[in-house]
Amino acid sequence: MKLNAIIHEAEEGGYWAEVPALPGCVTQGETLEELEQNLHEAIEAWLLAADPADPGPSGRLLEVAV
């Protein structure tokens, strides 16, 4: 499974990321390496906690580069 994550620089330093396909799946890290590790853990935890009977939002995600 491949998921896109949006990485942001935090105002106080470090980084935070969100996974648009998994509502509420966010994490942070002081370095990009730490962020990536935390992102893997956050996605795994989100998927384990997800209700398989809930299909999730009915909308679509469109990735657009500008």
C-alpha atoms as a PDB file:
ATOM      1  CA  MET A   1       0.000   0.000   0.000  1.00  0.00           C
ATOM      2  CA  LYS A   2       1.289   3.452  -0.892  1.00  0.00           C
ATOM      3  CA  LEU A   3      -0.028   6.583   0.792  1.00  0.00           C
ATOM      4  CA  ASN A   4       0.830  10.229   0.272  1.00  0.00           C
ATOM      5  CA  ALA A   5       1.850  12.360   3.229  1.00  0.00           C
ATOM      6  CA  ILE A   6       2.051  16.139   3.268  1.00  0.00           C
ATOM      7  CA  ILE A   7       5.098  17.369   5.194  1.00  0.00           C
ATOM      8  CA  HIS A   8       5.099  20.781   6.863  1.00  0.00           C
ATOM      9  CA  GLU A   9       7.850  22.674   8.659  1.00  0.00           C
ATOM     10  CA  ALA A  10       6.736  23.397  12.216  1.00  0.00           C
ATOM     11  CA  GLU A  11       6.965  27.017  13.389  1.00  0.00           C
ATOM     12  CA  GLU A  12       8.802  25.954  16.547  1.00  0.00           C
ATOM     13  CA  GLY A  13      11.255  23.799  14.585  1.00  0.00           C
ATOM     14  CA  GLY A  14      11.087  20.280  13.273  1.00  0.00           C
ATOM     15  CA  TYR A  15       8.396  18.920  11.007  1.00  0.00           C
ATOM     16  CA  TRP A  16       4.868  17.568  11.077  1.00  0.00           C
ATOM     17  CA  ALA A  17       2.998  15.490   8.529  1.00  0.00           C
ATOM     18  CA  GLU A  18      -0.555  14.538   7.664  1.00  0.00           C
ATOM     19  CA  VAL A  19      -1.941  11.695   5.557  1.00  0.00           C
ATOM     20  CA  PRO A  20      -4.957  13.025   3.613  1.00  0.00           C
ATOM     21  CA  ALA A  21      -6.304   9.531   2.851  1.00  0.00           C
ATOM     22  CA  LEU A  22      -6.440   8.735   6.587  1.00  0.00           C
ATOM     23  CA  PRO A  23      -8.384  11.511   8.358  1.00  0.00           C
ATOM     24  CA  GLY A  24      -6.762  12.465  11.638  1.00  0.00           C
ATOM     25  CA  CYS A  25      -3.508  10.636  10.879  1.00  0.00           C
ATOM     26  CA  VAL A  26      -0.842  13.189  11.811  1.00  0.00           C
ATOM     27  CA  THR A  27       2.568  13.029  13.454  1.00  0.00           C
ATOM     28  CA  GLN A  28       5.692  15.106  14.048  1.00  0.00           C
ATOM     29  CA  GLY A  29       9.449  14.786  14.323  1.00  0.00           C
ATOM     30  CA  GLU A  30      12.495  16.904  15.042  1.00  0.00           C
ATOM     31  CA  THR A  31      14.238  15.672  11.861  1.00  0.00           C
ATOM     32  CA  LEU A  32      12.962  14.303   8.554  1.00  0.00           C
ATOM     33  CA  GLU A  33      14.315  10.873   9.522  1.00  0.00           C
ATOM     34  CA  GLU A  34      12.422  10.922  12.829  1.00  0.00           C
ATOM     35  CA  LEU A  35       9.318  12.191  11.038  1.00  0.00           C
ATOM     36  CA  GLU A  36       9.443   9.313   8.557  1.00  0.00           C
ATOM     37  CA  GLN A  37       9.762   6.739  11.348  1.00  0.00           C
ATOM     38  CA  ASN A  38       6.909   8.349  13.287  1.00  0.00           C
ATOM     39  CA  LEU A  39       4.827   8.485  10.110  1.00  0.00           C
ATOM     40  CA  HIS A  40       5.155   4.731   9.606  1.00  0.00           C
ATOM     41  CA  GLU A  41       4.067   4.167  13.219  1.00  0.00           C
ATOM     42  CA  ALA A  42       1.143   6.605  12.934  1.00  0.00           C
ATOM     43  CA  ILE A  43      -0.150   4.968   9.750  1.00  0.00           C
ATOM     44  CA  GLU A  44       0.156   1.496  11.252  1.00  0.00           C
ATOM     45  CA  ALA A  45      -1.709   2.591  14.391  1.00  0.00           C
ATOM     46  CA  TRP A  46      -4.410   4.314  12.324  1.00  0.00           C
ATOM     47  CA  LEU A  47      -4.954   1.192  10.213  1.00  0.00           C
ATOM     48  CA  LEU A  48      -5.082  -1.067  13.281  1.00  0.00           C
ATOM     49  CA  ALA A  49      -7.659   1.206  14.938  1.00  0.00           C
ATOM     50  CA  ALA A  50      -9.811   1.598  11.809  1.00  0.00           C
ATOM     51  CA  ASP A  51     -13.211  -0.076  11.774  1.00  0.00           C
ATOM     52  CA  PRO A  52     -13.258  -2.454   8.779  1.00  0.00           C
ATOM     53  CA  ALA A  53     -17.050  -2.062   8.538  1.00  0.00           C
ATOM     54  CA  ASP A  54     -16.699   1.724   8.076  1.00  0.00           C
ATOM     55  CA  PRO A  55     -15.898   2.547   4.433  1.00  0.00           C
ATOM     56  CA  GLY A  56     -14.661   6.007   5.431  1.00  0.00           C
ATOM     57  CA  PRO A  57     -15.419   9.275   3.682  1.00  0.00           C
ATOM     58  CA  SER A  58     -17.186   9.017   0.347  1.00  0.00           C
ATOM     59  CA  GLY A  59     -15.206  11.846  -1.213  1.00  0.00           C
ATOM     60  CA  ARG A  60     -12.230  11.512  -3.491  1.00  0.00           C
ATOM     61  CA  LEU A  61      -8.680  12.747  -3.114  1.00  0.00           C
ATOM     62  CA  LEU A  62      -7.044  14.348  -6.128  1.00  0.00           C
ATOM     63  CA  GLU A  63      -3.322  15.043  -6.021  1.00  0.00           C
ATOM     64  CA  VAL A  64      -2.451  18.140  -8.050  1.00  0.00           C
ATOM     65  CA  ALA A  65       1.035  19.517  -8.598  1.00  0.00           C
ATOM     66  CA  VAL A  66       1.326  23.259  -9.230  1.00  0.00           C
END
